[in-house]
Amino acid sequence: MLWNAYEWGDKNALDRLIQYNRADIVNLDPLMELAFEAMKNKLFQEHFPGFDPFTNHAS
């Protein structure tokens, strides 16, 4: 909707889109970190059972 408004000549719509995108980046960063850690842990458990990525050796 905001993109359409911008295309139709509403210059403020682009500013709002940029603000929303910046807020998404800031707010989604912690979620990305959690997802990355979960996927990393799953990978290690599936492919390197007993390996502790935090100590860098097998338990």
C-alpha atoms as a PDB file:
ATOM      1  CA  MET A   1       0.000   0.000   0.000  1.00  0.00           C
ATOM      2  CA  LEU A   2       2.714   2.500   0.907  1.00  0.00           C
ATOM      3  CA  TRP A   3       4.679   1.590  -2.194  1.00  0.00           C
ATOM      4  CA  ASN A   4       1.601   2.281  -4.323  1.00  0.00           C
ATOM      5  CA  ALA A   5       1.127   5.594  -2.561  1.00  0.00           C
ATOM      6  CA  TYR A   6       4.729   6.500  -3.329  1.00  0.00           C
ATOM      7  CA  GLU A   7       4.294   5.519  -6.974  1.00  0.00           C
ATOM      8  CA  TRP A   8       1.223   7.732  -7.119  1.00  0.00           C
ATOM      9  CA  GLY A   9       3.281  10.703  -5.953  1.00  0.00           C
ATOM     10  CA  ASP A  10       3.120  10.611  -2.139  1.00  0.00           C
ATOM     11  CA  LYS A  11       6.749  11.390  -1.232  1.00  0.00           C
ATOM     12  CA  ASN A  12       6.053  10.867   2.488  1.00  0.00           C
ATOM     13  CA  ALA A  13       5.087   7.256   1.788  1.00  0.00           C
ATOM     14  CA  LEU A  14       8.687   6.441   0.823  1.00  0.00           C
ATOM     15  CA  ASP A  15       9.954   7.936   4.082  1.00  0.00           C
ATOM     16  CA  ARG A  16       7.475   5.793   6.014  1.00  0.00           C
ATOM     17  CA  LEU A  17       8.527   2.688   4.095  1.00  0.00           C
ATOM     18  CA  ILE A  18      12.160   3.356   4.937  1.00  0.00           C
ATOM     19  CA  GLN A  19      11.296   3.873   8.609  1.00  0.00           C
ATOM     20  CA  TYR A  20       9.338   0.621   8.707  1.00  0.00           C
ATOM     21  CA  ASN A  21      12.152  -1.276   6.996  1.00  0.00           C
ATOM     22  CA  ARG A  22      14.711   0.075   9.462  1.00  0.00           C
ATOM     23  CA  ALA A  23      12.483  -0.943  12.365  1.00  0.00           C
ATOM     24  CA  ASP A  24      12.111  -4.432  10.866  1.00  0.00           C
ATOM     25  CA  ILE A  25      15.878  -4.803  10.597  1.00  0.00           C
ATOM     26  CA  VAL A  26      16.427  -3.745  14.206  1.00  0.00           C
ATOM     27  CA  ASN A  27      13.569  -5.823  15.603  1.00  0.00           C
ATOM     28  CA  LEU A  28      14.245  -8.950  13.542  1.00  0.00           C
ATOM     29  CA  ASP A  29      17.979  -9.074  14.384  1.00  0.00           C
ATOM     30  CA  PRO A  30      17.477 -10.832  17.759  1.00  0.00           C
ATOM     31  CA  LEU A  31      15.142 -13.344  16.091  1.00  0.00           C
ATOM     32  CA  MET A  32      17.782 -14.041  13.431  1.00  0.00           C
ATOM     33  CA  GLU A  33      20.380 -14.650  16.153  1.00  0.00           C
ATOM     34  CA  LEU A  34      18.089 -17.132  17.920  1.00  0.00           C
ATOM     35  CA  ALA A  35      17.279 -18.937  14.675  1.00  0.00           C
ATOM     36  CA  PHE A  36      20.957 -19.138  13.730  1.00  0.00           C
ATOM     37  CA  GLU A  37      21.920 -20.606  17.104  1.00  0.00           C
ATOM     38  CA  ALA A  38      19.082 -23.136  16.943  1.00  0.00           C
ATOM     39  CA  MET A  39      20.034 -24.238  13.420  1.00  0.00           C
ATOM     40  CA  LYS A  40      23.727 -24.426  14.344  1.00  0.00           C
ATOM     41  CA  ASN A  41      22.975 -26.563  17.386  1.00  0.00           C
ATOM     42  CA  LYS A  42      20.714 -28.845  15.346  1.00  0.00           C
ATOM     43  CA  LEU A  43      23.400 -29.245  12.694  1.00  0.00           C
ATOM     44  CA  PHE A  44      26.030 -30.161  15.256  1.00  0.00           C
ATOM     45  CA  GLN A  45      23.727 -32.628  17.012  1.00  0.00           C
ATOM     46  CA  GLU A  46      22.769 -34.335  13.741  1.00  0.00           C
ATOM     47  CA  HIS A  47      26.202 -34.505  12.142  1.00  0.00           C
ATOM     48  CA  PHE A  48      28.586 -34.447  15.106  1.00  0.00           C
ATOM     49  CA  PRO A  49      26.856 -36.215  18.019  1.00  0.00           C
ATOM     50  CA  GLY A  50      28.598 -35.504  21.307  1.00  0.00           C
ATOM     51  CA  PHE A  51      30.494 -32.512  19.895  1.00  0.00           C
ATOM     52  CA  ASP A  52      30.193 -29.374  21.979  1.00  0.00           C
ATOM     53  CA  PRO A  53      30.635 -26.305  19.742  1.00  0.00           C
ATOM     54  CA  PHE A  54      31.240 -24.178  22.821  1.00  0.00           C
ATOM     55  CA  THR A  55      34.238 -26.137  24.062  1.00  0.00           C
ATOM     56  CA  ASN A  56      35.330 -27.209  20.561  1.00  0.00           C
ATOM     57  CA  HIS A  57      35.702 -30.882  21.517  1.00  0.00           C
ATOM     58  CA  ALA A  58      33.686 -34.035  22.030  1.00  0.00           C
ATOM     59  CA  SER A  59      32.100 -34.635  25.406  1.00  0.00           C
END
